[in-house]
Amino acid sequence: MIYLDVEKEIERKRRRLHESIEKNGINSKETRKISIEVDNLLNEYYNKVKQYNEGNTMIVFYEKSLKELKDLMLDLGGFPNIKLWNEYALKNNCLNSASLEYISGLNWHKLEKKIRLELIKKS
């Protein structure tokens, strides 16, 4: 697949994923299968484009999602778990936890530590 085809396919599968979540639930076999397909496409996408290119659509969504995650953390008084974040992300057009982990190169726990440190440095 060429670059634009991958972007279109990601968007198509993302829509299917959202539909499956609404129809079958977030933990259903069908939803997990589609989620893995989306993750594989994201991996392919990042293998074809410069990962940290300024203005890259995924990076824009990543930065937006991090801001939303920080805001949610402040609202909740703590870091959300993966399930809560994924539900929030779905409703607010943000990247899910797997995408945030992939792009950041950090697991959920290490991402939490990174964000907490950033918030401490700002205050």
PDB file of N, CA and C in Angstrom:
ATOM      1  N   MET A   1       0.835  -1.184   0.000  1.00  0.00           N
ATOM      2  CA  MET A   1       0.000   0.000   0.000  1.00  0.00           C
ATOM      3  C   MET A   1       0.876   1.242   0.000  1.00  0.00           C
ATOM      4  N   ILE A   2       0.458   2.226  -0.746  1.00  0.00           N
ATOM      5  CA  ILE A   2       1.184   3.487  -0.712  1.00  0.00           C
ATOM      6  C   ILE A   2       0.658   4.333   0.437  1.00  0.00           C
ATOM      7  N   TYR A   3       1.372   5.389   0.753  1.00  0.00           N
ATOM      8  CA  TYR A   3       1.109   6.251   1.892  1.00  0.00           C
ATOM      9  C   TYR A   3      -0.361   6.663   2.011  1.00  0.00           C
ATOM     10  N   LEU A   4      -0.967   7.214   0.947  1.00  0.00           N
ATOM     11  CA  LEU A   4      -2.353   7.678   1.018  1.00  0.00           C
ATOM     12  C   LEU A   4      -3.322   6.522   1.178  1.00  0.00           C
ATOM     13  N   ASP A   5      -3.023   5.389   0.577  1.00  0.00           N
ATOM     14  CA  ASP A   5      -3.877   4.217   0.732  1.00  0.00           C
ATOM     15  C   ASP A   5      -3.891   3.763   2.185  1.00  0.00           C
ATOM     16  N   VAL A   6      -2.752   3.801   2.836  1.00  0.00           N
ATOM     17  CA  VAL A   6      -2.676   3.391   4.240  1.00  0.00           C
ATOM     18  C   VAL A   6      -3.509   4.338   5.097  1.00  0.00           C
ATOM     19  N   GLU A   7      -3.407   5.630   4.861  1.00  0.00           N
ATOM     20  CA  GLU A   7      -4.206   6.598   5.621  1.00  0.00           C
ATOM     21  C   GLU A   7      -5.692   6.340   5.443  1.00  0.00           C
ATOM     22  N   LYS A   8      -6.120   6.091   4.218  1.00  0.00           N
ATOM     23  CA  LYS A   8      -7.538   5.814   3.948  1.00  0.00           C
ATOM     24  C   LYS A   8      -7.975   4.524   4.622  1.00  0.00           C
ATOM     25  N   GLU A   9      -7.133   3.517   4.570  1.00  0.00           N
ATOM     26  CA  GLU A   9      -7.460   2.234   5.189  1.00  0.00           C
ATOM     27  C   GLU A   9      -7.526   2.366   6.712  1.00  0.00           C
ATOM     28  N   ILE A  10      -6.636   3.146   7.296  1.00  0.00           N
ATOM     29  CA  ILE A  10      -6.681   3.384   8.745  1.00  0.00           C
ATOM     30  C   ILE A  10      -8.014   4.035   9.107  1.00  0.00           C
ATOM     31  N   GLU A  11      -8.404   5.037   8.357  1.00  0.00           N
ATOM     32  CA  GLU A  11      -9.661   5.731   8.631  1.00  0.00           C
ATOM     33  C   GLU A  11     -10.850   4.789   8.475  1.00  0.00           C
ATOM     34  N   ARG A  12     -10.845   3.960   7.450  1.00  0.00           N
ATOM     35  CA  ARG A  12     -11.937   2.999   7.231  1.00  0.00           C
ATOM     36  C   ARG A  12     -12.018   2.015   8.397  1.00  0.00           C
ATOM     37  N   LYS A  13     -10.887   1.486   8.790  1.00  0.00           N
ATOM     38  CA  LYS A  13     -10.871   0.509   9.891  1.00  0.00           C
ATOM     39  C   LYS A  13     -11.198   1.190  11.223  1.00  0.00           C
ATOM     40  N   ARG A  14     -10.790   2.434  11.387  1.00  0.00           N
ATOM     41  CA  ARG A  14     -11.118   3.170  12.608  1.00  0.00           C
ATOM     42  C   ARG A  14     -12.632   3.301  12.750  1.00  0.00           C
ATOM     43  N   ARG A  15     -13.304   3.613  11.635  1.00  0.00           N
ATOM     44  CA  ARG A  15     -14.768   3.701  11.658  1.00  0.00           C
ATOM     45  C   ARG A  15     -15.389   2.342  12.015  1.00  0.00           C
ATOM     46  N   ARG A  16     -14.845   1.267  11.407  1.00  0.00           N
ATOM     47  CA  ARG A  16     -15.333  -0.083  11.718  1.00  0.00           C
ATOM     48  C   ARG A  16     -15.126  -0.410  13.192  1.00  0.00           C
ATOM     49  N   LEU A  17     -13.978   0.021  13.728  1.00  0.00           N
ATOM     50  CA  LEU A  17     -13.675  -0.224  15.131  1.00  0.00           C
ATOM     51  C   LEU A  17     -14.700   0.477  16.028  1.00  0.00           C
ATOM     52  N   HIS A  18     -14.996   1.728  15.753  1.00  0.00           N
ATOM     53  CA  HIS A  18     -15.970   2.475  16.550  1.00  0.00           C
ATOM     54  C   HIS A  18     -17.351   1.827  16.461  1.00  0.00           C
ATOM     55  N   GLU A  19     -17.722   1.396  15.263  1.00  0.00           N
ATOM     56  CA  GLU A  19     -19.014   0.725  15.088  1.00  0.00           C
ATOM     57  C   GLU A  19     -19.056  -0.573  15.885  1.00  0.00           C
ATOM     58  N   SER A  20     -17.963  -1.327  15.854  1.00  0.00           N
ATOM     59  CA  SER A  20     -17.905  -2.594  16.584  1.00  0.00           C
ATOM     60  C   SER A  20     -17.971  -2.358  18.086  1.00  0.00           C
ATOM     61  N   ILE A  21     -17.311  -1.320  18.560  1.00  0.00           N
ATOM     62  CA  ILE A  21     -17.356  -1.010  19.993  1.00  0.00           C
ATOM     63  C   ILE A  21     -18.788  -0.711  20.415  1.00  0.00           C
ATOM     64  N   GLU A  22     -19.485   0.091  19.615  1.00  0.00           N
ATOM     65  CA  GLU A  22     -20.867   0.436  19.938  1.00  0.00           C
ATOM     66  C   GLU A  22     -21.788  -0.781  19.857  1.00  0.00           C
ATOM     67  N   LYS A  23     -21.567  -1.630  18.868  1.00  0.00           N
ATOM     68  CA  LYS A  23     -22.439  -2.782  18.650  1.00  0.00           C
ATOM     69  C   LYS A  23     -22.098  -3.946  19.576  1.00  0.00           C
ATOM     70  N   ASN A  24     -20.801  -4.271  19.695  1.00  0.00           N
ATOM     71  CA  ASN A  24     -20.382  -5.488  20.384  1.00  0.00           C
ATOM     72  C   ASN A  24     -19.718  -5.255  21.733  1.00  0.00           C
ATOM     73  N   GLY A  25     -19.345  -4.017  22.028  1.00  0.00           N
ATOM     74  CA  GLY A  25     -18.636  -3.729  23.275  1.00  0.00           C
ATOM     75  C   GLY A  25     -17.140  -3.654  23.039  1.00  0.00           C
ATOM     76  N   ILE A  26     -16.451  -2.991  23.954  1.00  0.00           N
ATOM     77  CA  ILE A  26     -15.025  -2.728  23.775  1.00  0.00           C
ATOM     78  C   ILE A  26     -14.166  -3.983  23.923  1.00  0.00           C
ATOM     79  N   ASN A  27     -14.659  -4.987  24.640  1.00  0.00           N
ATOM     80  CA  ASN A  27     -13.856  -6.184  24.877  1.00  0.00           C
ATOM     81  C   ASN A  27     -14.276  -7.395  24.048  1.00  0.00           C
ATOM     82  N   SER A  28     -15.129  -7.200  23.058  1.00  0.00           N
ATOM     83  CA  SER A  28     -15.577  -8.332  22.246  1.00  0.00           C
ATOM     84  C   SER A  28     -14.455  -8.826  21.340  1.00  0.00           C
ATOM     85  N   LYS A  29     -14.574 -10.079  20.913  1.00  0.00           N
ATOM     86  CA  LYS A  29     -13.564 -10.659  20.023  1.00  0.00           C
ATOM     87  C   LYS A  29     -13.479  -9.872  18.719  1.00  0.00           C
ATOM     88  N   GLU A  30     -14.622  -9.505  18.157  1.00  0.00           N
ATOM     89  CA  GLU A  30     -14.646  -8.763  16.889  1.00  0.00           C
ATOM     90  C   GLU A  30     -13.946  -7.411  17.042  1.00  0.00           C
ATOM     91  N   THR A  31     -14.233  -6.704  18.136  1.00  0.00           N
ATOM     92  CA  THR A  31     -13.614  -5.399  18.377  1.00  0.00           C
ATOM     93  C   THR A  31     -12.103  -5.542  18.534  1.00  0.00           C
ATOM     94  N   ARG A  32     -11.674  -6.546  19.289  1.00  0.00           N
ATOM     95  CA  ARG A  32     -10.230  -6.761  19.464  1.00  0.00           C
ATOM     96  C   ARG A  32      -9.554  -7.104  18.141  1.00  0.00           C
ATOM     97  N   LYS A  33     -10.238  -7.901  17.316  1.00  0.00           N
ATOM     98  CA  LYS A  33      -9.679  -8.262  16.012  1.00  0.00           C
ATOM     99  C   LYS A  33      -9.473  -7.004  15.156  1.00  0.00           C
ATOM    100  N   ILE A  34     -10.478  -6.148  15.103  1.00  0.00           N
ATOM    101  CA  ILE A  34     -10.369  -4.916  14.316  1.00  0.00           C
ATOM    102  C   ILE A  34      -9.302  -4.005  14.910  1.00  0.00           C
ATOM    103  N   SER A  35      -9.222  -3.936  16.236  1.00  0.00           N
ATOM    104  CA  SER A  35      -8.215  -3.108  16.896  1.00  0.00           C
ATOM    105  C   SER A  35      -6.802  -3.553  16.518  1.00  0.00           C
ATOM    106  N   ILE A  36      -6.589  -4.857  16.463  1.00  0.00           N
ATOM    107  CA  ILE A  36      -5.279  -5.376  16.050  1.00  0.00           C
ATOM    108  C   ILE A  36      -4.992  -4.997  14.597  1.00  0.00           C
ATOM    109  N   GLU A  37      -6.015  -5.055  13.749  1.00  0.00           N
ATOM    110  CA  GLU A  37      -5.836  -4.652  12.349  1.00  0.00           C
ATOM    111  C   GLU A  37      -5.441  -3.183  12.254  1.00  0.00           C
ATOM    112  N   VAL A  38      -6.087  -2.345  13.067  1.00  0.00           N
ATOM    113  CA  VAL A  38      -5.744  -0.912  13.085  1.00  0.00           C
ATOM    114  C   VAL A  38      -4.303  -0.733  13.559  1.00  0.00           C
ATOM    115  N   ASP A  39      -3.926  -1.444  14.620  1.00  0.00           N
ATOM    116  CA  ASP A  39      -2.554  -1.346  15.122  1.00  0.00           C
ATOM    117  C   ASP A  39      -1.539  -1.763  14.055  1.00  0.00           C
ATOM    118  N   ASN A  40      -1.838  -2.827  13.327  1.00  0.00           N
ATOM    119  CA  ASN A  40      -0.930  -3.272  12.262  1.00  0.00           C
ATOM    120  C   ASN A  40      -0.806  -2.230  11.163  1.00  0.00           C
ATOM    121  N   LEU A  41      -1.937  -1.609  10.804  1.00  0.00           N
ATOM    122  CA  LEU A  41      -1.889  -0.544   9.794  1.00  0.00           C
ATOM    123  C   LEU A  41      -1.088   0.655  10.298  1.00  0.00           C
ATOM    124  N   LEU A  42      -1.263   0.996  11.570  1.00  0.00           N
ATOM    125  CA  LEU A  42      -0.488   2.101  12.138  1.00  0.00           C
ATOM    126  C   LEU A  42       1.002   1.801  12.088  1.00  0.00           C
ATOM    127  N   ASN A  43       1.360   0.557  12.387  1.00  0.00           N
ATOM    128  CA  ASN A  43       2.771   0.164  12.289  1.00  0.00           C
ATOM    129  C   ASN A  43       3.272   0.319  10.860  1.00  0.00           C
ATOM    130  N   GLU A  44       2.483  -0.117   9.900  1.00  0.00           N
ATOM    131  CA  GLU A  44       2.861   0.012   8.492  1.00  0.00           C
ATOM    132  C   GLU A  44       3.003   1.483   8.114  1.00  0.00           C
ATOM    133  N   TYR A  45       2.048   2.288   8.562  1.00  0.00           N
ATOM    134  CA  TYR A  45       2.060   3.724   8.283  1.00  0.00           C
ATOM    135  C   TYR A  45       3.355   4.354   8.802  1.00  0.00           C
ATOM    136  N   TYR A  46       3.722   4.039  10.039  1.00  0.00           N
ATOM    137  CA  TYR A  46       4.914   4.633  10.617  1.00  0.00           C
ATOM    138  C   TYR A  46       6.199   4.088  10.037  1.00  0.00           C
ATOM    139  N   ASN A  47       6.152   2.931   9.444  1.00  0.00           N
ATOM    140  CA  ASN A  47       7.324   2.420   8.742  1.00  0.00           C
ATOM    141  C   ASN A  47       7.525   3.131   7.410  1.00  0.00           C
ATOM    142  N   LYS A  48       6.472   3.774   6.881  1.00  0.00           N
ATOM    143  CA  LYS A  48       6.561   4.419   5.574  1.00  0.00           C
ATOM    144  C   LYS A  48       6.777   5.926   5.650  1.00  0.00           C
ATOM    145  N   VAL A  49       6.443   6.535   6.759  1.00  0.00           N
ATOM    146  CA  VAL A  49       6.590   7.996   6.866  1.00  0.00           C
ATOM    147  C   VAL A  49       7.530   8.328   8.014  1.00  0.00           C
ATOM    148  N   LYS A  50       8.088   9.511   7.962  1.00  0.00           N
ATOM    149  CA  LYS A  50       8.946   9.959   9.053  1.00  0.00           C
ATOM    150  C   LYS A  50       8.069  10.147  10.285  1.00  0.00           C
ATOM    151  N   GLN A  51       8.363   9.426  11.331  1.00  0.00           N
ATOM    152  CA  GLN A  51       7.473   9.355  12.481  1.00  0.00           C
ATOM    153  C   GLN A  51       7.230  10.715  13.152  1.00  0.00           C
ATOM    154  N   TYR A  52       8.222  11.533  13.240  1.00  0.00           N
ATOM    155  CA  TYR A  52       8.051  12.777  13.972  1.00  0.00           C
ATOM    156  C   TYR A  52       8.055  14.007  13.067  1.00  0.00           C
ATOM    157  N   ASN A  53       7.557  13.866  11.881  1.00  0.00           N
ATOM    158  CA  ASN A  53       7.446  14.959  10.940  1.00  0.00           C
ATOM    159  C   ASN A  53       6.434  15.985  11.458  1.00  0.00           C
ATOM    160  N   GLU A  54       6.843  17.237  11.568  1.00  0.00           N
ATOM    161  CA  GLU A  54       5.965  18.305  12.046  1.00  0.00           C
ATOM    162  C   GLU A  54       4.728  18.394  11.165  1.00  0.00           C
ATOM    163  N   GLY A  55       3.561  18.464  11.777  1.00  0.00           N
ATOM    164  CA  GLY A  55       2.319  18.579  11.041  1.00  0.00           C
ATOM    165  C   GLY A  55       1.734  17.252  10.590  1.00  0.00           C
ATOM    166  N   ASN A  56       2.438  16.163  10.836  1.00  0.00           N
ATOM    167  CA  ASN A  56       1.945  14.838  10.496  1.00  0.00           C
ATOM    168  C   ASN A  56       0.615  14.611  11.226  1.00  0.00           C
ATOM    169  N   THR A  57      -0.377  14.101  10.529  1.00  0.00           N
ATOM    170  CA  THR A  57      -1.709  13.916  11.094  1.00  0.00           C
ATOM    171  C   THR A  57      -1.688  13.120  12.387  1.00  0.00           C
ATOM    172  N   MET A  58      -0.931  12.031  12.409  1.00  0.00           N
ATOM    173  CA  MET A  58      -0.889  11.208  13.616  1.00  0.00           C
ATOM    174  C   MET A  58      -0.230  11.948  14.776  1.00  0.00           C
ATOM    175  N   ILE A  59       0.784  12.742  14.480  1.00  0.00           N
ATOM    176  CA  ILE A  59       1.454  13.502  15.538  1.00  0.00           C
ATOM    177  C   ILE A  59       0.513  14.581  16.072  1.00  0.00           C
ATOM    178  N   VAL A  60      -0.256  15.197  15.193  1.00  0.00           N
ATOM    179  CA  VAL A  60      -1.241  16.191  15.636  1.00  0.00           C
ATOM    180  C   VAL A  60      -2.246  15.532  16.580  1.00  0.00           C
ATOM    181  N   PHE A  61      -2.754  14.357  16.195  1.00  0.00           N
ATOM    182  CA  PHE A  61      -3.684  13.627  17.057  1.00  0.00           C
ATOM    183  C   PHE A  61      -3.001  13.182  18.352  1.00  0.00           C
ATOM    184  N   TYR A  62      -1.746  12.803  18.270  1.00  0.00           N
ATOM    185  CA  TYR A  62      -0.992  12.386  19.452  1.00  0.00           C
ATOM    186  C   TYR A  62      -0.885  13.550  20.440  1.00  0.00           C
ATOM    187  N   GLU A  63      -0.504  14.717  19.956  1.00  0.00           N
ATOM    188  CA  GLU A  63      -0.363  15.879  20.825  1.00  0.00           C
ATOM    189  C   GLU A  63      -1.704  16.290  21.429  1.00  0.00           C
ATOM    190  N   LYS A  64      -2.763  16.248  20.603  1.00  0.00           N
ATOM    191  CA  LYS A  64      -4.112  16.555  21.100  1.00  0.00           C
ATOM    192  C   LYS A  64      -4.510  15.553  22.179  1.00  0.00           C
ATOM    193  N   SER A  65      -4.228  14.289  21.932  1.00  0.00           N
ATOM    194  CA  SER A  65      -4.593  13.241  22.879  1.00  0.00           C
ATOM    195  C   SER A  65      -3.835  13.391  24.195  1.00  0.00           C
ATOM    196  N   LEU A  66      -2.554  13.731  24.128  1.00  0.00           N
ATOM    197  CA  LEU A  66      -1.786  13.953  25.356  1.00  0.00           C
ATOM    198  C   LEU A  66      -2.354  15.111  26.161  1.00  0.00           C
ATOM    199  N   LYS A  67      -2.733  16.174  25.482  1.00  0.00           N
ATOM    200  CA  LYS A  67      -3.327  17.317  26.184  1.00  0.00           C
ATOM    201  C   LYS A  67      -4.620  16.897  26.861  1.00  0.00           C
ATOM    202  N   GLU A  68      -5.458  16.169  26.137  1.00  0.00           N
ATOM    203  CA  GLU A  68      -6.723  15.684  26.706  1.00  0.00           C
ATOM    204  C   GLU A  68      -6.455  14.757  27.903  1.00  0.00           C
ATOM    205  N   LEU A  69      -5.446  13.900  27.770  1.00  0.00           N
ATOM    206  CA  LEU A  69      -5.099  12.976  28.848  1.00  0.00           C
ATOM    207  C   LEU A  69      -4.659  13.741  30.089  1.00  0.00           C
ATOM    208  N   LYS A  70      -3.851  14.775  29.900  1.00  0.00           N
ATOM    209  CA  LYS A  70      -3.409  15.603  31.029  1.00  0.00           C
ATOM    210  C   LYS A  70      -4.606  16.306  31.676  1.00  0.00           C
ATOM    211  N   ASP A  71      -5.493  16.855  30.852  1.00  0.00           N
ATOM    212  CA  ASP A  71      -6.677  17.539  31.380  1.00  0.00           C
ATOM    213  C   ASP A  71      -7.572  16.573  32.152  1.00  0.00           C
ATOM    214  N   LEU A  72      -7.763  15.369  31.600  1.00  0.00           N
ATOM    215  CA  LEU A  72      -8.586  14.364  32.270  1.00  0.00           C
ATOM    216  C   LEU A  72      -7.956  13.968  33.603  1.00  0.00           C
ATOM    217  N   MET A  73      -6.658  13.814  33.594  1.00  0.00           N
ATOM    218  CA  MET A  73      -5.941  13.460  34.817  1.00  0.00           C
ATOM    219  C   MET A  73      -6.170  14.519  35.896  1.00  0.00           C
ATOM    220  N   LEU A  74      -6.093  15.778  35.520  1.00  0.00           N
ATOM    221  CA  LEU A  74      -6.314  16.858  36.482  1.00  0.00           C
ATOM    222  C   LEU A  74      -7.762  16.863  36.966  1.00  0.00           C
ATOM    223  N   ASP A  75      -8.716  16.615  36.061  1.00  0.00           N
ATOM    224  CA  ASP A  75     -10.136  16.574  36.435  1.00  0.00           C
ATOM    225  C   ASP A  75     -10.436  15.427  37.397  1.00  0.00           C
ATOM    226  N   LEU A  76      -9.821  14.270  37.132  1.00  0.00           N
ATOM    227  CA  LEU A  76     -10.069  13.085  37.960  1.00  0.00           C
ATOM    228  C   LEU A  76      -9.283  13.102  39.266  1.00  0.00           C
ATOM    229  N   GLY A  77      -8.203  13.867  39.288  1.00  0.00           N
ATOM    230  CA  GLY A  77      -7.325  13.853  40.445  1.00  0.00           C
ATOM    231  C   GLY A  77      -6.388  12.657  40.442  1.00  0.00           C
ATOM    232  N   GLY A  78      -6.272  12.013  39.300  1.00  0.00           N
ATOM    233  CA  GLY A  78      -5.391  10.860  39.158  1.00  0.00           C
ATOM    234  C   GLY A  78      -5.353  10.418  37.707  1.00  0.00           C
ATOM    235  N   PHE A  79      -4.449   9.532  37.406  1.00  0.00           N
ATOM    236  CA  PHE A  79      -4.272   9.058  36.031  1.00  0.00           C
ATOM    237  C   PHE A  79      -5.335   8.010  35.717  1.00  0.00           C
ATOM    238  N   PRO A  80      -6.018   8.134  34.575  1.00  0.00           N
ATOM    239  CA  PRO A  80      -7.062   7.161  34.246  1.00  0.00           C
ATOM    240  C   PRO A  80      -6.467   5.793  33.900  1.00  0.00           C
ATOM    241  N   ASN A  81      -7.235   4.745  34.169  1.00  0.00           N
ATOM    242  CA  ASN A  81      -6.789   3.431  33.724  1.00  0.00           C
ATOM    243  C   ASN A  81      -7.044   3.303  32.221  1.00  0.00           C
ATOM    244  N   ILE A  82      -6.548   2.249  31.632  1.00  0.00           N
ATOM    245  CA  ILE A  82      -6.642   2.075  30.180  1.00  0.00           C
ATOM    246  C   ILE A  82      -8.092   2.036  29.712  1.00  0.00           C
ATOM    247  N   LYS A  83      -8.929   1.300  30.433  1.00  0.00           N
ATOM    248  CA  LYS A  83     -10.338   1.187  30.023  1.00  0.00           C
ATOM    249  C   LYS A  83     -11.021   2.561  30.013  1.00  0.00           C
ATOM    250  N   LEU A  84     -10.835   3.311  31.095  1.00  0.00           N
ATOM    251  CA  LEU A  84     -11.448   4.642  31.179  1.00  0.00           C
ATOM    252  C   LEU A  84     -10.917   5.555  30.073  1.00  0.00           C
ATOM    253  N   TRP A  85      -9.596   5.523  29.844  1.00  0.00           N
ATOM    254  CA  TRP A  85      -9.029   6.364  28.798  1.00  0.00           C
ATOM    255  C   TRP A  85      -9.580   5.984  27.425  1.00  0.00           C
ATOM    256  N   ASN A  86      -9.647   4.706  27.118  1.00  0.00           N
ATOM    257  CA  ASN A  86     -10.122   4.279  25.801  1.00  0.00           C
ATOM    258  C   ASN A  86     -11.573   4.690  25.573  1.00  0.00           C
ATOM    259  N   GLU A  87     -12.395   4.629  26.598  1.00  0.00           N
ATOM    260  CA  GLU A  87     -13.780   5.091  26.482  1.00  0.00           C
ATOM    261  C   GLU A  87     -13.811   6.603  26.237  1.00  0.00           C
ATOM    262  N   TYR A  88     -13.014   7.339  26.994  1.00  0.00           N
ATOM    263  CA  TYR A  88     -12.921   8.791  26.832  1.00  0.00           C
ATOM    264  C   TYR A  88     -12.413   9.139  25.434  1.00  0.00           C
ATOM    265  N   ALA A  89     -11.366   8.434  25.002  1.00  0.00           N
ATOM    266  CA  ALA A  89     -10.762   8.700  23.694  1.00  0.00           C
ATOM    267  C   ALA A  89     -11.769   8.479  22.574  1.00  0.00           C
ATOM    268  N   LEU A  90     -12.553   7.440  22.669  1.00  0.00           N
ATOM    269  CA  LEU A  90     -13.561   7.144  21.658  1.00  0.00           C
ATOM    270  C   LEU A  90     -14.577   8.274  21.557  1.00  0.00           C
ATOM    271  N   LYS A  91     -15.018   8.769  22.698  1.00  0.00           N
ATOM    272  CA  LYS A  91     -16.032   9.828  22.724  1.00  0.00           C
ATOM    273  C   LYS A  91     -15.477  11.185  22.304  1.00  0.00           C
ATOM    274  N   ASN A  92     -14.158  11.387  22.466  1.00  0.00           N
ATOM    275  CA  ASN A  92     -13.564  12.708  22.242  1.00  0.00           C
ATOM    276  C   ASN A  92     -12.570  12.754  21.091  1.00  0.00           C
ATOM    277  N   ASN A  93     -12.629  11.748  20.221  1.00  0.00           N
ATOM    278  CA  ASN A  93     -11.806  11.720  19.005  1.00  0.00           C
ATOM    279  C   ASN A  93     -10.307  11.829  19.318  1.00  0.00           C
ATOM    280  N   CYS A  94      -9.873  11.022  20.288  1.00  0.00           N
ATOM    281  CA  CYS A  94      -8.463  10.970  20.663  1.00  0.00           C
ATOM    282  C   CYS A  94      -7.903   9.593  20.325  1.00  0.00           C
ATOM    283  N   LEU A  95      -6.594   9.479  20.371  1.00  0.00           N
ATOM    284  CA  LEU A  95      -5.954   8.184  20.159  1.00  0.00           C
ATOM    285  C   LEU A  95      -6.163   7.299  21.378  1.00  0.00           C
ATOM    286  N   ASN A  96      -6.326   6.003  21.141  1.00  0.00           N
ATOM    287  CA  ASN A  96      -6.504   5.083  22.266  1.00  0.00           C
ATOM    288  C   ASN A  96      -5.161   4.811  22.938  1.00  0.00           C
ATOM    289  N   SER A  97      -5.218   4.048  24.015  1.00  0.00           N
ATOM    290  CA  SER A  97      -4.007   3.794  24.801  1.00  0.00           C
ATOM    291  C   SER A  97      -2.932   3.075  23.987  1.00  0.00           C
ATOM    292  N   ALA A  98      -3.329   2.119  23.148  1.00  0.00           N
ATOM    293  CA  ALA A  98      -2.336   1.379  22.351  1.00  0.00           C
ATOM    294  C   ALA A  98      -1.599   2.307  21.394  1.00  0.00           C
ATOM    295  N   SER A  99      -2.326   3.227  20.783  1.00  0.00           N
ATOM    296  CA  SER A  99      -1.694   4.173  19.863  1.00  0.00           C
ATOM    297  C   SER A  99      -0.764   5.127  20.607  1.00  0.00           C
ATOM    298  N   LEU A 100      -1.202   5.607  21.775  1.00  0.00           N
ATOM    299  CA  LEU A 100      -0.340   6.491  22.573  1.00  0.00           C
ATOM    300  C   LEU A 100       0.929   5.764  23.004  1.00  0.00           C
ATOM    301  N   GLU A 101       0.780   4.501  23.410  1.00  0.00           N
ATOM    302  CA  GLU A 101       1.953   3.729  23.813  1.00  0.00           C
ATOM    303  C   GLU A 101       2.901   3.527  22.633  1.00  0.00           C
ATOM    304  N   TYR A 102       2.337   3.208  21.471  1.00  0.00           N
ATOM    305  CA  TYR A 102       3.170   2.955  20.296  1.00  0.00           C
ATOM    306  C   TYR A 102       3.936   4.209  19.882  1.00  0.00           C
ATOM    307  N   ILE A 103       3.236   5.325  19.775  1.00  0.00           N
ATOM    308  CA  ILE A 103       3.867   6.556  19.306  1.00  0.00           C
ATOM    309  C   ILE A 103       4.886   7.067  20.322  1.00  0.00           C
ATOM    310  N   SER A 104       4.538   6.986  21.603  1.00  0.00           N
ATOM    311  CA  SER A 104       5.461   7.479  22.634  1.00  0.00           C
ATOM    312  C   SER A 104       6.614   6.515  22.886  1.00  0.00           C
ATOM    313  N   GLY A 105       6.410   5.240  22.574  1.00  0.00           N
ATOM    314  CA  GLY A 105       7.422   4.231  22.868  1.00  0.00           C
ATOM    315  C   GLY A 105       7.432   3.849  24.342  1.00  0.00           C
ATOM    316  N   LEU A 106       6.366   4.208  25.065  1.00  0.00           N
ATOM    317  CA  LEU A 106       6.264   3.944  26.503  1.00  0.00           C
ATOM    318  C   LEU A 106       5.026   3.109  26.798  1.00  0.00           C
ATOM    319  N   ASN A 107       5.121   2.258  27.815  1.00  0.00           N
ATOM    320  CA  ASN A 107       3.911   1.561  28.235  1.00  0.00           C
ATOM    321  C   ASN A 107       3.055   2.532  29.056  1.00  0.00           C
ATOM    322  N   TRP A 108       1.841   2.120  29.396  1.00  0.00           N
ATOM    323  CA  TRP A 108       0.885   3.020  30.050  1.00  0.00           C
ATOM    324  C   TRP A 108       1.442   3.556  31.369  1.00  0.00           C
ATOM    325  N   HIS A 109       2.092   2.714  32.147  1.00  0.00           N
ATOM    326  CA  HIS A 109       2.646   3.125  33.432  1.00  0.00           C
ATOM    327  C   HIS A 109       3.769   4.163  33.252  1.00  0.00           C
ATOM    328  N   LYS A 110       4.646   3.923  32.287  1.00  0.00           N
ATOM    329  CA  LYS A 110       5.745   4.873  32.046  1.00  0.00           C
ATOM    330  C   LYS A 110       5.224   6.179  31.442  1.00  0.00           C
ATOM    331  N   LEU A 111       4.170   6.085  30.636  1.00  0.00           N
ATOM    332  CA  LEU A 111       3.552   7.293  30.083  1.00  0.00           C
ATOM    333  C   LEU A 111       2.968   8.133  31.225  1.00  0.00           C
ATOM    334  N   GLU A 112       2.351   7.463  32.196  1.00  0.00           N
ATOM    335  CA  GLU A 112       1.825   8.170  33.371  1.00  0.00           C
ATOM    336  C   GLU A 112       2.949   8.911  34.091  1.00  0.00           C
ATOM    337  N   LYS A 113       4.075   8.243  34.328  1.00  0.00           N
ATOM    338  CA  LYS A 113       5.209   8.878  35.007  1.00  0.00           C
ATOM    339  C   LYS A 113       5.705  10.097  34.235  1.00  0.00           C
ATOM    340  N   LYS A 114       5.811   9.949  32.905  1.00  0.00           N
ATOM    341  CA  LYS A 114       6.281  11.047  32.060  1.00  0.00           C
ATOM    342  C   LYS A 114       5.341  12.253  32.186  1.00  0.00           C
ATOM    343  N   ILE A 115       4.047  12.002  32.119  1.00  0.00           N
ATOM    344  CA  ILE A 115       3.069  13.089  32.189  1.00  0.00           C
ATOM    345  C   ILE A 115       3.086  13.739  33.570  1.00  0.00           C
ATOM    346  N   ARG A 116       3.191  12.932  34.615  1.00  0.00           N
ATOM    347  CA  ARG A 116       3.254  13.499  35.980  1.00  0.00           C
ATOM    348  C   ARG A 116       4.477  14.415  36.124  1.00  0.00           C
ATOM    349  N   LEU A 117       5.615  13.983  35.587  1.00  0.00           N
ATOM    350  CA  LEU A 117       6.822  14.810  35.659  1.00  0.00           C
ATOM    351  C   LEU A 117       6.637  16.116  34.888  1.00  0.00           C
ATOM    352  N   GLU A 118       6.015  16.038  33.702  1.00  0.00           N
ATOM    353  CA  GLU A 118       5.776  17.244  32.913  1.00  0.00           C
ATOM    354  C   GLU A 118       4.874  18.234  33.678  1.00  0.00           C
ATOM    355  N   LEU A 119       3.852  17.708  34.332  1.00  0.00           N
ATOM    356  CA  LEU A 119       2.940  18.559  35.079  1.00  0.00           C
ATOM    357  C   LEU A 119       3.630  19.172  36.291  1.00  0.00           C
ATOM    358  N   ILE A 120       4.513  18.424  36.938  1.00  0.00           N
ATOM    359  CA  ILE A 120       5.265  18.952  38.085  1.00  0.00           C
ATOM    360  C   ILE A 120       6.197  20.069  37.630  1.00  0.00           C
ATOM    361  N   LYS A 121       6.847  19.884  36.496  1.00  0.00           N
ATOM    362  CA  LYS A 121       7.782  20.900  35.979  1.00  0.00           C
ATOM    363  C   LYS A 121       7.050  22.186  35.614  1.00  0.00           C
ATOM    364  N   LYS A 122       5.783  22.070  35.144  1.00  0.00           N
ATOM    365  CA  LYS A 122       5.017  23.251  34.770  1.00  0.00           C
ATOM    366  C   LYS A 122       4.573  24.059  35.985  1.00  0.00           C
ATOM    367  N   SER A 123       4.382  23.380  37.118  1.00  0.00           N
ATOM    368  CA  SER A 123       3.874  24.100  38.293  1.00  0.00           C
ATOM    369  C   SER A 123       4.954  24.658  39.178  1.00  0.00           C
TER     370      SER A 123
END
